[in-house]
Amino acid sequence: MASREPTHSVLGSRPRSEFQRGRVLARDFYDRETELVARDMLGTVLECETEDGLASGIIVETEAYLGEHDLACHAAVGRTARTEHLYGPPGISYVYFIYGMYWCFNAVTREAGQPSAVLVRALEPLDGLALMHKRRPRIKNDVDLTNGPGKLCTALGITGAMTGKPLQGRPLLIREGESVPDDQVEVTTRIGITKSADWPLRWIVRGNRFVSRGKVSG
């Protein structure tokens, strides 16, 4: 039987202004096993403030990348100029370029010297919706604004200039949102990779319509 098209959102019918935004996540939030951080980032709020204004979204999809032994992780090639920020300290950003077109945002985890991070794959748009549409003018609906790692970086204005920056202050930070119960979370294998592709290291909000295309929950 074909899976049902995801229809739910974290907000439901509430106005975006009613979503609970808490304090900025401290560095020790990230100083843990990457899998735990990836799970707990669901429901938190990623914010980016530039000269154009503030844009944010609720994190609804994450993937964990675990270090040099993880062949899908950039650290598999060792410590290089590109991967330097993956080696810590925890609680900083790792932003990289793919396909010569898109930036991707990661939150660095574990203690310094242990290269690992959580890739944010999808957001449910929250603040700055008009600004997001201005940055992605061809997109006519809200769902397609941020349902992929490259898309959300474009919509929020995240660029490579923000790599290596602490996630406890502007321009880029993650703050407490609303917790997602375990029965609303699904874990799958990672998508869009060919190496270590069978590792179950992708966390999504079950049935959320803003999750990136691919293996989504019904």
N, C-alpha and C. Protein backbone atom coordinates (compact mmCIF):
# COMPACT_ATOMS: atom_id res chain seq x y z
N MET A 1 0.85 -1.20 0.00
CA MET A 1 0.00 0.00 0.00
C MET A 1 0.88 1.24 0.00
N ALA A 2 0.56 2.21 -0.82
CA ALA A 2 1.35 3.43 -0.88
C ALA A 2 1.18 4.22 0.40
N SER A 3 2.28 4.87 0.84
CA SER A 3 2.21 5.67 2.06
C SER A 3 1.38 6.92 1.82
N ARG A 4 0.75 7.39 2.88
CA ARG A 4 -0.07 8.59 2.77
C ARG A 4 0.82 9.82 2.65
N GLU A 5 0.34 10.83 1.96
CA GLU A 5 1.06 12.09 1.85
C GLU A 5 1.08 12.76 3.22
N PRO A 6 2.27 13.15 3.72
CA PRO A 6 2.33 13.82 5.02
C PRO A 6 1.50 15.10 5.02
N THR A 7 0.72 15.29 6.07
CA THR A 7 -0.20 16.43 6.10
C THR A 7 -0.08 17.28 7.35
N HIS A 8 0.64 16.81 8.35
CA HIS A 8 0.65 17.50 9.64
C HIS A 8 1.72 18.59 9.70
N SER A 9 1.55 19.48 10.66
CA SER A 9 2.57 20.47 10.96
C SER A 9 2.70 20.56 12.47
N VAL A 10 3.83 21.09 12.93
CA VAL A 10 4.03 21.28 14.37
C VAL A 10 3.09 22.35 14.89
N LEU A 11 2.89 23.39 14.10
CA LEU A 11 2.03 24.49 14.52
C LEU A 11 0.55 24.12 14.54
N GLY A 12 0.16 23.25 13.64
CA GLY A 12 -1.27 22.97 13.51
C GLY A 12 -1.99 24.21 13.02
N SER A 13 -3.10 24.54 13.65
CA SER A 13 -3.89 25.71 13.24
C SER A 13 -3.51 26.98 14.00
N ARG A 14 -2.51 26.91 14.86
CA ARG A 14 -2.12 28.07 15.65
C ARG A 14 -1.40 29.12 14.79
N PRO A 15 -1.53 30.39 15.14
CA PRO A 15 -0.70 31.41 14.49
C PRO A 15 0.77 31.17 14.84
N ARG A 16 1.65 31.54 13.94
CA ARG A 16 3.08 31.36 14.19
C ARG A 16 3.54 32.08 15.45
N SER A 17 2.91 33.19 15.77
CA SER A 17 3.31 33.98 16.94
C SER A 17 3.08 33.23 18.25
N GLU A 18 2.25 32.18 18.24
CA GLU A 18 1.95 31.44 19.46
C GLU A 18 2.91 30.28 19.71
N PHE A 19 3.82 30.03 18.79
CA PHE A 19 4.78 28.96 19.02
C PHE A 19 5.76 29.39 20.11
N GLN A 20 6.02 28.50 21.06
CA GLN A 20 6.86 28.83 22.20
C GLN A 20 8.33 28.87 21.79
N ARG A 21 8.95 30.02 21.99
CA ARG A 21 10.38 30.19 21.74
C ARG A 21 11.07 30.42 23.06
N GLY A 22 12.02 29.56 23.39
CA GLY A 22 12.69 29.65 24.68
C GLY A 22 14.09 30.22 24.58
N ARG A 23 14.90 29.92 25.55
CA ARG A 23 16.26 30.45 25.61
C ARG A 23 17.14 29.79 24.56
N VAL A 24 18.23 30.44 24.26
CA VAL A 24 19.20 29.91 23.29
C VAL A 24 19.87 28.67 23.89
N LEU A 25 20.03 27.64 23.07
CA LEU A 25 20.65 26.41 23.55
C LEU A 25 22.12 26.65 23.90
N ALA A 26 22.50 26.27 25.10
CA ALA A 26 23.87 26.46 25.57
C ALA A 26 24.80 25.48 24.88
N ARG A 27 26.10 25.76 24.98
CA ARG A 27 27.10 24.91 24.33
C ARG A 27 27.04 23.47 24.83
N ASP A 28 26.73 23.29 26.11
CA ASP A 28 26.74 21.92 26.64
C ASP A 28 25.61 21.07 26.08
N PHE A 29 24.59 21.69 25.47
CA PHE A 29 23.56 20.92 24.79
C PHE A 29 24.18 20.07 23.68
N TYR A 30 25.18 20.62 23.01
CA TYR A 30 25.81 19.96 21.87
C TYR A 30 26.96 19.04 22.29
N ASP A 31 27.41 19.16 23.52
CA ASP A 31 28.56 18.38 24.00
C ASP A 31 28.09 17.01 24.48
N ARG A 32 27.45 16.27 23.57
CA ARG A 32 26.89 14.95 23.86
C ARG A 32 27.02 14.09 22.62
N GLU A 33 26.59 12.84 22.74
CA GLU A 33 26.58 11.97 21.57
C GLU A 33 25.71 12.60 20.48
N THR A 34 26.19 12.51 19.26
CA THR A 34 25.55 13.19 18.14
C THR A 34 24.12 12.72 17.93
N GLU A 35 23.87 11.43 18.13
CA GLU A 35 22.53 10.89 17.95
C GLU A 35 21.53 11.53 18.93
N LEU A 36 21.96 11.76 20.16
CA LEU A 36 21.08 12.39 21.15
C LEU A 36 20.78 13.84 20.76
N VAL A 37 21.79 14.53 20.29
CA VAL A 37 21.59 15.93 19.89
C VAL A 37 20.64 16.00 18.70
N ALA A 38 20.83 15.11 17.72
CA ALA A 38 19.97 15.11 16.54
C ALA A 38 18.51 14.90 16.91
N ARG A 39 18.26 13.97 17.83
CA ARG A 39 16.89 13.73 18.28
C ARG A 39 16.33 14.95 19.01
N ASP A 40 17.12 15.51 19.90
CA ASP A 40 16.62 16.60 20.74
C ASP A 40 16.50 17.92 19.99
N MET A 41 17.12 18.02 18.82
CA MET A 41 16.98 19.25 18.03
C MET A 41 15.62 19.34 17.36
N LEU A 42 14.90 18.24 17.23
CA LEU A 42 13.55 18.31 16.68
C LEU A 42 12.68 19.19 17.58
N GLY A 43 11.99 20.14 16.97
CA GLY A 43 11.13 21.04 17.73
C GLY A 43 11.81 22.30 18.20
N THR A 44 13.15 22.39 18.07
CA THR A 44 13.85 23.62 18.40
C THR A 44 13.76 24.60 17.23
N VAL A 45 14.22 25.84 17.45
CA VAL A 45 14.06 26.88 16.44
C VAL A 45 15.42 27.37 15.96
N LEU A 46 15.66 27.25 14.66
CA LEU A 46 16.87 27.77 14.03
C LEU A 46 16.58 29.18 13.54
N GLU A 47 17.41 30.14 13.97
CA GLU A 47 17.23 31.54 13.60
C GLU A 47 18.47 32.06 12.89
N CYS A 48 18.25 32.90 11.90
CA CYS A 48 19.35 33.59 11.23
C CYS A 48 18.95 35.05 11.04
N GLU A 49 19.80 35.95 11.51
CA GLU A 49 19.54 37.39 11.38
C GLU A 49 20.63 38.02 10.52
N THR A 50 20.22 38.65 9.44
CA THR A 50 21.14 39.35 8.54
C THR A 50 20.70 40.80 8.43
N GLU A 51 21.38 41.55 7.57
CA GLU A 51 20.98 42.94 7.35
C GLU A 51 19.56 43.04 6.80
N ASP A 52 19.09 41.96 6.16
CA ASP A 52 17.74 41.96 5.58
C ASP A 52 16.65 41.71 6.62
N GLY A 53 17.03 41.16 7.76
CA GLY A 53 16.05 40.86 8.79
C GLY A 53 16.23 39.48 9.39
N LEU A 54 15.25 39.09 10.19
CA LEU A 54 15.28 37.80 10.90
C LEU A 54 14.38 36.78 10.20
N ALA A 55 14.90 35.58 10.05
CA ALA A 55 14.10 34.47 9.53
C ALA A 55 14.38 33.25 10.39
N SER A 56 13.36 32.43 10.61
CA SER A 56 13.55 31.26 11.47
C SER A 56 12.59 30.15 11.07
N GLY A 57 12.86 28.96 11.60
CA GLY A 57 11.99 27.83 11.36
C GLY A 57 12.13 26.78 12.44
N ILE A 58 11.11 25.98 12.60
CA ILE A 58 11.12 24.87 13.56
C ILE A 58 11.83 23.69 12.90
N ILE A 59 12.81 23.12 13.57
CA ILE A 59 13.55 21.99 13.00
C ILE A 59 12.67 20.74 13.05
N VAL A 60 12.43 20.14 11.88
CA VAL A 60 11.57 18.96 11.79
C VAL A 60 12.29 17.75 11.19
N GLU A 61 13.55 17.93 10.79
CA GLU A 61 14.31 16.82 10.20
C GLU A 61 15.80 17.04 10.43
N THR A 62 16.47 16.03 10.94
CA THR A 62 17.91 16.11 11.19
C THR A 62 18.59 14.82 10.76
N GLU A 63 19.90 14.90 10.54
CA GLU A 63 20.72 13.72 10.31
C GLU A 63 22.01 13.84 11.10
N ALA A 64 22.46 12.73 11.66
CA ALA A 64 23.70 12.70 12.42
C ALA A 64 24.85 12.19 11.56
N TYR A 65 26.00 12.83 11.70
CA TYR A 65 27.23 12.41 11.04
C TYR A 65 28.30 12.26 12.11
N LEU A 66 28.91 11.08 12.18
CA LEU A 66 29.52 10.63 13.42
C LEU A 66 31.04 10.68 13.52
N GLY A 67 31.74 11.06 12.49
CA GLY A 67 33.18 11.16 12.64
C GLY A 67 33.94 10.46 11.53
N GLU A 68 35.24 10.26 11.75
CA GLU A 68 36.11 9.73 10.72
C GLU A 68 35.75 8.32 10.27
N HIS A 69 35.12 7.53 11.15
CA HIS A 69 34.73 6.16 10.79
C HIS A 69 33.44 6.12 9.98
N ASP A 70 32.73 7.24 9.93
CA ASP A 70 31.48 7.36 9.18
C ASP A 70 31.82 7.84 7.77
N LEU A 71 31.73 6.95 6.79
CA LEU A 71 32.17 7.28 5.44
C LEU A 71 31.32 8.35 4.77
N ALA A 72 30.14 8.62 5.31
CA ALA A 72 29.29 9.69 4.76
C ALA A 72 29.63 11.04 5.38
N CYS A 73 30.45 11.04 6.42
CA CYS A 73 30.83 12.28 7.10
C CYS A 73 32.04 12.89 6.42
N HIS A 74 32.07 14.21 6.32
CA HIS A 74 33.23 14.87 5.70
C HIS A 74 34.52 14.55 6.43
N ALA A 75 34.43 14.23 7.71
CA ALA A 75 35.63 13.92 8.49
C ALA A 75 36.29 12.61 8.07
N ALA A 76 35.65 11.84 7.22
CA ALA A 76 36.24 10.58 6.75
C ALA A 76 37.55 10.81 6.01
N VAL A 77 37.74 12.01 5.48
CA VAL A 77 39.00 12.33 4.78
C VAL A 77 40.05 12.87 5.73
N GLY A 78 39.68 13.04 6.99
CA GLY A 78 40.61 13.58 7.96
C GLY A 78 40.46 15.09 8.15
N ARG A 79 41.39 15.63 8.90
CA ARG A 79 41.34 17.06 9.23
C ARG A 79 41.95 17.87 8.09
N THR A 80 41.12 18.68 7.46
CA THR A 80 41.55 19.52 6.34
C THR A 80 41.03 20.94 6.58
N ALA A 81 41.39 21.84 5.67
CA ALA A 81 40.88 23.21 5.79
C ALA A 81 39.35 23.22 5.75
N ARG A 82 38.78 22.34 4.93
CA ARG A 82 37.31 22.31 4.81
C ARG A 82 36.65 21.75 6.06
N THR A 83 37.26 20.71 6.66
CA THR A 83 36.62 20.02 7.78
C THR A 83 37.04 20.55 9.15
N GLU A 84 37.88 21.54 9.21
CA GLU A 84 38.44 22.02 10.47
C GLU A 84 37.38 22.25 11.54
N HIS A 85 36.29 22.89 11.17
CA HIS A 85 35.27 23.23 12.17
C HIS A 85 34.50 22.01 12.68
N LEU A 86 34.54 20.91 11.93
CA LEU A 86 33.89 19.68 12.39
C LEU A 86 34.56 19.15 13.66
N TYR A 87 35.80 19.52 13.87
CA TYR A 87 36.57 19.02 15.01
C TYR A 87 36.34 19.82 16.29
N GLY A 88 35.39 20.72 16.25
CA GLY A 88 34.99 21.39 17.48
C GLY A 88 35.53 22.80 17.59
N PRO A 89 35.13 23.40 18.71
CA PRO A 89 34.42 22.85 19.86
C PRO A 89 32.94 22.62 19.56
N PRO A 90 32.23 21.94 20.47
CA PRO A 90 30.80 21.73 20.25
C PRO A 90 30.04 23.05 20.33
N GLY A 91 28.90 23.08 19.63
CA GLY A 91 28.06 24.27 19.69
C GLY A 91 28.47 25.37 18.74
N ILE A 92 29.21 25.01 17.68
CA ILE A 92 29.50 25.97 16.62
C ILE A 92 28.86 25.47 15.33
N SER A 93 28.84 26.33 14.33
CA SER A 93 28.25 25.96 13.05
C SER A 93 29.30 25.37 12.12
N TYR A 94 28.83 24.48 11.26
CA TYR A 94 29.64 23.96 10.16
C TYR A 94 28.78 24.11 8.91
N VAL A 95 29.16 25.04 8.05
CA VAL A 95 28.39 25.33 6.84
C VAL A 95 29.25 25.02 5.64
N TYR A 96 28.74 24.19 4.74
CA TYR A 96 29.53 23.80 3.57
C TYR A 96 28.70 23.94 2.30
N PHE A 97 29.41 23.93 1.17
CA PHE A 97 28.82 24.16 -0.15
C PHE A 97 28.68 22.83 -0.88
N ILE A 98 27.56 22.60 -1.54
CA ILE A 98 27.36 21.38 -2.31
C ILE A 98 26.87 21.70 -3.72
N TYR A 99 27.22 20.84 -4.66
CA TYR A 99 26.77 20.93 -6.05
C TYR A 99 27.11 22.28 -6.69
N GLY A 100 28.03 23.01 -6.09
CA GLY A 100 28.38 24.32 -6.61
C GLY A 100 27.24 25.32 -6.57
N MET A 101 26.22 25.03 -5.72
CA MET A 101 25.01 25.86 -5.72
C MET A 101 24.47 26.18 -4.33
N TYR A 102 24.55 25.23 -3.38
CA TYR A 102 23.79 25.36 -2.14
C TYR A 102 24.68 25.26 -0.90
N TRP A 103 24.31 26.01 0.12
CA TRP A 103 24.93 25.88 1.43
C TRP A 103 24.11 24.89 2.27
N CYS A 104 24.79 24.19 3.18
CA CYS A 104 24.13 23.29 4.11
C CYS A 104 24.61 23.62 5.52
N PHE A 105 23.69 23.62 6.47
CA PHE A 105 24.00 24.00 7.85
C PHE A 105 24.04 22.80 8.77
N ASN A 106 25.08 22.74 9.60
CA ASN A 106 25.24 21.69 10.61
C ASN A 106 25.59 22.32 11.95
N ALA A 107 25.18 21.66 13.02
CA ALA A 107 25.58 22.02 14.37
C ALA A 107 26.62 21.01 14.84
N VAL A 108 27.80 21.48 15.24
CA VAL A 108 28.90 20.60 15.63
C VAL A 108 28.64 20.04 17.04
N THR A 109 28.95 18.76 17.22
CA THR A 109 28.64 18.06 18.46
C THR A 109 29.89 17.41 19.06
N ARG A 110 29.71 16.85 20.24
CA ARG A 110 30.73 16.13 21.01
C ARG A 110 31.91 17.05 21.36
N GLU A 111 32.85 16.49 22.13
CA GLU A 111 33.96 17.31 22.58
C GLU A 111 34.90 17.64 21.43
N ALA A 112 35.69 18.69 21.63
CA ALA A 112 36.65 19.10 20.62
C ALA A 112 37.57 17.94 20.26
N GLY A 113 37.85 17.80 18.97
CA GLY A 113 38.70 16.72 18.50
C GLY A 113 37.94 15.51 18.03
N GLN A 114 36.63 15.46 18.28
CA GLN A 114 35.79 14.35 17.84
C GLN A 114 34.86 14.88 16.74
N PRO A 115 35.26 14.75 15.48
CA PRO A 115 34.55 15.43 14.39
C PRO A 115 33.18 14.83 14.10
N SER A 116 32.14 15.56 14.45
CA SER A 116 30.77 15.08 14.25
C SER A 116 29.84 16.27 14.26
N ALA A 117 28.67 16.08 13.65
CA ALA A 117 27.72 17.19 13.55
C ALA A 117 26.34 16.68 13.21
N VAL A 118 25.37 17.57 13.40
CA VAL A 118 23.98 17.30 13.01
C VAL A 118 23.63 18.20 11.84
N LEU A 119 23.27 17.59 10.73
CA LEU A 119 22.79 18.32 9.57
C LEU A 119 21.31 18.63 9.76
N VAL A 120 20.93 19.89 9.61
CA VAL A 120 19.52 20.26 9.63
C VAL A 120 18.99 20.14 8.21
N ARG A 121 18.05 19.22 8.01
CA ARG A 121 17.56 18.92 6.66
C ARG A 121 16.26 19.65 6.31
N ALA A 122 15.46 20.02 7.30
CA ALA A 122 14.19 20.67 6.97
C ALA A 122 13.67 21.47 8.15
N LEU A 123 12.97 22.54 7.82
CA LEU A 123 12.34 23.41 8.81
C LEU A 123 10.88 23.62 8.47
N GLU A 124 10.07 23.85 9.49
CA GLU A 124 8.73 24.38 9.30
C GLU A 124 8.84 25.89 9.49
N PRO A 125 8.58 26.70 8.46
CA PRO A 125 8.81 28.15 8.55
C PRO A 125 8.10 28.80 9.73
N LEU A 126 8.80 29.75 10.36
CA LEU A 126 8.23 30.40 11.54
C LEU A 126 8.23 31.91 11.37
N ASP A 127 9.38 32.55 11.53
CA ASP A 127 9.47 34.02 11.42
C ASP A 127 10.06 34.42 10.07
N GLY A 128 9.66 35.58 9.59
CA GLY A 128 10.25 36.12 8.37
C GLY A 128 9.79 35.45 7.10
N LEU A 129 8.55 35.04 7.05
CA LEU A 129 8.04 34.32 5.89
C LEU A 129 8.16 35.15 4.60
N ALA A 130 7.84 36.42 4.67
CA ALA A 130 7.94 37.28 3.48
C ALA A 130 9.39 37.38 2.99
N LEU A 131 10.32 37.44 3.94
CA LEU A 131 11.73 37.50 3.59
C LEU A 131 12.18 36.21 2.92
N MET A 132 11.70 35.08 3.41
CA MET A 132 12.04 33.79 2.80
C MET A 132 11.54 33.73 1.35
N HIS A 133 10.33 34.19 1.12
CA HIS A 133 9.79 34.19 -0.24
C HIS A 133 10.56 35.16 -1.15
N LYS A 134 11.04 36.25 -0.59
CA LYS A 134 11.84 37.19 -1.36
C LYS A 134 13.14 36.53 -1.80
N ARG A 135 13.72 35.74 -0.92
CA ARG A 135 14.98 35.06 -1.24
C ARG A 135 14.77 33.88 -2.19
N ARG A 136 13.57 33.33 -2.21
CA ARG A 136 13.26 32.21 -3.09
C ARG A 136 12.00 32.58 -3.90
N PRO A 137 12.11 33.55 -4.79
CA PRO A 137 10.94 34.14 -5.46
C PRO A 137 10.15 33.18 -6.33
N ARG A 138 10.73 32.10 -6.76
CA ARG A 138 10.00 31.16 -7.62
C ARG A 138 9.09 30.23 -6.82
N ILE A 139 9.25 30.22 -5.51
CA ILE A 139 8.46 29.32 -4.67
C ILE A 139 7.16 30.01 -4.27
N LYS A 140 6.04 29.38 -4.59
CA LYS A 140 4.73 29.99 -4.36
C LYS A 140 4.06 29.48 -3.09
N ASN A 141 4.53 28.36 -2.54
CA ASN A 141 3.91 27.83 -1.33
C ASN A 141 4.93 27.79 -0.21
N ASP A 142 4.45 27.73 1.02
CA ASP A 142 5.34 27.75 2.19
C ASP A 142 6.10 26.44 2.37
N VAL A 143 5.50 25.33 1.99
CA VAL A 143 6.10 24.02 2.22
C VAL A 143 7.46 23.90 1.53
N ASP A 144 7.54 24.34 0.29
CA ASP A 144 8.77 24.16 -0.49
C ASP A 144 9.85 25.19 -0.17
N LEU A 145 9.58 26.10 0.74
CA LEU A 145 10.59 27.10 1.10
C LEU A 145 11.79 26.47 1.81
N THR A 146 11.52 25.53 2.71
CA THR A 146 12.57 25.07 3.63
C THR A 146 12.60 23.56 3.80
N ASN A 147 12.06 22.80 2.84
CA ASN A 147 11.99 21.34 2.98
C ASN A 147 13.19 20.65 2.33
N GLY A 148 14.36 21.13 2.66
CA GLY A 148 15.61 20.55 2.18
C GLY A 148 16.76 21.37 2.73
N PRO A 149 17.95 20.78 2.90
CA PRO A 149 19.05 21.50 3.55
C PRO A 149 19.54 22.71 2.77
N GLY A 150 19.58 22.62 1.42
CA GLY A 150 19.98 23.77 0.62
C GLY A 150 18.89 24.83 0.59
N LYS A 151 17.66 24.39 0.50
CA LYS A 151 16.53 25.31 0.46
C LYS A 151 16.45 26.17 1.72
N LEU A 152 16.59 25.53 2.88
CA LEU A 152 16.43 26.28 4.13
C LEU A 152 17.57 27.28 4.32
N CYS A 153 18.77 26.95 3.85
CA CYS A 153 19.87 27.91 3.97
C CYS A 153 19.61 29.13 3.10
N THR A 154 19.11 28.92 1.89
CA THR A 154 18.78 30.05 1.02
C THR A 154 17.68 30.89 1.65
N ALA A 155 16.64 30.24 2.16
CA ALA A 155 15.50 30.96 2.73
C ALA A 155 15.89 31.77 3.97
N LEU A 156 16.78 31.23 4.78
CA LEU A 156 17.18 31.92 6.01
C LEU A 156 18.36 32.86 5.81
N GLY A 157 19.03 32.76 4.66
CA GLY A 157 20.19 33.62 4.42
C GLY A 157 21.48 33.09 5.01
N ILE A 158 21.56 31.77 5.22
CA ILE A 158 22.76 31.15 5.78
C ILE A 158 23.79 30.96 4.68
N THR A 159 25.02 31.41 4.93
CA THR A 159 26.10 31.29 3.94
C THR A 159 27.37 30.76 4.60
N GLY A 160 28.35 30.49 3.78
CA GLY A 160 29.62 29.98 4.27
C GLY A 160 30.35 30.94 5.19
N ALA A 161 30.02 32.22 5.13
CA ALA A 161 30.65 33.19 6.03
C ALA A 161 30.28 32.93 7.48
N MET A 162 29.26 32.12 7.70
CA MET A 162 28.79 31.84 9.06
C MET A 162 29.36 30.55 9.63
N THR A 163 30.22 29.86 8.89
CA THR A 163 30.78 28.62 9.41
C THR A 163 31.77 28.90 10.53
N GLY A 164 31.79 28.01 11.52
CA GLY A 164 32.69 28.16 12.64
C GLY A 164 32.24 29.14 13.70
N LYS A 165 31.04 29.69 13.55
CA LYS A 165 30.54 30.68 14.50
C LYS A 165 29.80 30.01 15.66
N PRO A 166 29.93 30.52 16.87
CA PRO A 166 29.17 29.97 18.00
C PRO A 166 27.67 30.11 17.74
N LEU A 167 26.91 29.10 18.16
CA LEU A 167 25.46 29.11 17.95
C LEU A 167 24.71 29.70 19.13
N GLN A 168 25.40 30.53 19.91
CA GLN A 168 24.77 31.15 21.06
C GLN A 168 24.54 32.65 20.85
N GLY A 169 24.74 33.14 19.65
CA GLY A 169 24.52 34.56 19.37
C GLY A 169 24.40 34.80 17.88
N ARG A 170 24.07 36.04 17.52
CA ARG A 170 23.87 36.39 16.12
C ARG A 170 25.16 36.21 15.34
N PRO A 171 25.05 35.88 14.04
CA PRO A 171 23.83 35.89 13.23
C PRO A 171 23.03 34.59 13.26
N LEU A 172 23.59 33.52 13.83
CA LEU A 172 22.99 32.20 13.70
C LEU A 172 22.90 31.55 15.07
N LEU A 173 21.71 31.11 15.45
CA LEU A 173 21.54 30.46 16.74
C LEU A 173 20.38 29.49 16.70
N ILE A 174 20.35 28.63 17.72
CA ILE A 174 19.23 27.69 17.89
C ILE A 174 18.70 27.88 19.30
N ARG A 175 17.41 28.03 19.41
CA ARG A 175 16.80 28.22 20.72
C ARG A 175 15.76 27.13 21.02
N GLU A 176 15.45 26.99 22.28
CA GLU A 176 14.43 26.03 22.69
C GLU A 176 13.12 26.35 21.98
N GLY A 177 12.39 25.30 21.63
CA GLY A 177 11.08 25.47 21.03
C GLY A 177 10.05 24.70 21.83
N GLU A 178 9.40 23.76 21.19
CA GLU A 178 8.45 22.88 21.86
C GLU A 178 8.90 21.44 21.64
N SER A 179 8.97 20.67 22.71
CA SER A 179 9.48 19.30 22.61
C SER A 179 8.55 18.43 21.77
N VAL A 180 9.14 17.50 21.05
CA VAL A 180 8.40 16.57 20.21
C VAL A 180 8.36 15.22 20.91
N PRO A 181 7.19 14.71 21.28
CA PRO A 181 7.09 13.41 21.98
C PRO A 181 7.67 12.28 21.14
N ASP A 182 8.14 11.24 21.82
CA ASP A 182 8.75 10.11 21.12
C ASP A 182 7.81 9.46 20.13
N ASP A 183 6.50 9.42 20.44
CA ASP A 183 5.58 8.76 19.52
C ASP A 183 5.30 9.59 18.27
N GLN A 184 5.87 10.80 18.20
CA GLN A 184 5.74 11.62 17.00
C GLN A 184 7.07 11.72 16.24
N VAL A 185 8.03 10.88 16.63
CA VAL A 185 9.34 10.89 15.99
C VAL A 185 9.57 9.58 15.26
N GLU A 186 10.13 9.67 14.06
CA GLU A 186 10.49 8.49 13.30
C GLU A 186 11.97 8.54 12.96
N VAL A 187 12.63 7.40 13.02
CA VAL A 187 14.05 7.30 12.68
C VAL A 187 14.18 6.46 11.41
N THR A 188 14.93 6.95 10.43
CA THR A 188 15.14 6.24 9.18
C THR A 188 16.63 6.26 8.84
N THR A 189 16.99 5.59 7.77
CA THR A 189 18.34 5.73 7.24
C THR A 189 18.49 7.11 6.61
N ARG A 190 19.72 7.58 6.50
CA ARG A 190 19.98 8.89 5.90
C ARG A 190 19.69 8.83 4.40
N ILE A 191 19.42 9.98 3.81
CA ILE A 191 19.08 10.04 2.39
C ILE A 191 20.08 10.92 1.65
N GLY A 192 20.15 10.74 0.34
CA GLY A 192 21.01 11.56 -0.48
C GLY A 192 22.48 11.23 -0.38
N ILE A 193 22.82 10.03 0.14
CA ILE A 193 24.21 9.62 0.27
C ILE A 193 24.36 8.21 -0.29
N THR A 194 25.60 7.81 -0.54
CA THR A 194 25.86 6.46 -1.05
C THR A 194 26.73 5.65 -0.09
N LYS A 195 27.50 6.29 0.78
CA LYS A 195 28.36 5.60 1.72
C LYS A 195 27.72 5.58 3.11
N SER A 196 27.86 4.46 3.81
CA SER A 196 27.23 4.29 5.13
C SER A 196 25.75 4.65 5.06
N ALA A 197 25.12 4.32 3.94
CA ALA A 197 23.74 4.73 3.67
C ALA A 197 22.72 3.94 4.45
N ASP A 198 23.12 2.82 5.06
CA ASP A 198 22.16 1.99 5.79
C ASP A 198 22.14 2.30 7.28
N TRP A 199 22.84 3.32 7.71
CA TRP A 199 22.85 3.66 9.14
C TRP A 199 21.59 4.46 9.49
N PRO A 200 20.85 4.06 10.52
CA PRO A 200 19.60 4.76 10.89
C PRO A 200 19.88 6.02 11.69
N LEU A 201 20.22 7.08 10.98
CA LEU A 201 20.67 8.31 11.64
C LEU A 201 19.92 9.55 11.16
N ARG A 202 18.68 9.35 10.73
CA ARG A 202 17.84 10.47 10.31
C ARG A 202 16.60 10.52 11.20
N TRP A 203 16.34 11.68 11.77
CA TRP A 203 15.19 11.86 12.66
C TRP A 203 14.22 12.83 12.02
N ILE A 204 12.95 12.48 11.98
CA ILE A 204 11.93 13.36 11.43
C ILE A 204 10.72 13.41 12.36
N VAL A 205 10.00 14.52 12.27
CA VAL A 205 8.71 14.62 12.94
C VAL A 205 7.71 13.85 12.09
N ARG A 206 7.16 12.81 12.65
CA ARG A 206 6.31 11.88 11.91
C ARG A 206 5.16 12.59 11.20
N GLY A 207 5.05 12.35 9.89
CA GLY A 207 3.94 12.89 9.11
C GLY A 207 4.01 14.37 8.83
N ASN A 208 5.10 15.04 9.20
CA ASN A 208 5.19 16.48 8.99
C ASN A 208 5.35 16.80 7.51
N ARG A 209 4.54 17.72 7.01
CA ARG A 209 4.55 18.00 5.57
C ARG A 209 5.75 18.83 5.12
N PHE A 210 6.53 19.34 6.07
CA PHE A 210 7.69 20.15 5.71
C PHE A 210 8.98 19.32 5.63
N VAL A 211 8.91 18.02 5.94
CA VAL A 211 10.07 17.15 5.83
C VAL A 211 10.50 17.05 4.37
N SER A 212 11.81 16.94 4.13
CA SER A 212 12.32 16.90 2.77
C SER A 212 11.80 15.69 2.02
N ARG A 213 11.79 15.79 0.71
CA ARG A 213 11.29 14.70 -0.11
C ARG A 213 12.24 13.53 -0.07
N GLY A 214 11.71 12.34 -0.21
CA GLY A 214 12.51 11.13 -0.11
C GLY A 214 11.77 10.14 0.77
N LYS A 215 12.46 9.62 1.76
CA LYS A 215 11.85 8.66 2.68
C LYS A 215 11.15 9.43 3.77
N VAL A 216 9.86 9.64 3.62
CA VAL A 216 9.10 10.39 4.62
C VAL A 216 8.06 9.49 5.25
N SER A 217 7.64 9.88 6.41
CA SER A 217 6.63 9.10 7.12
C SER A 217 5.26 9.32 6.52
N GLY A 218 4.45 8.29 6.57
CA GLY A 218 3.08 8.41 6.10
C GLY A 218 2.15 8.85 7.21
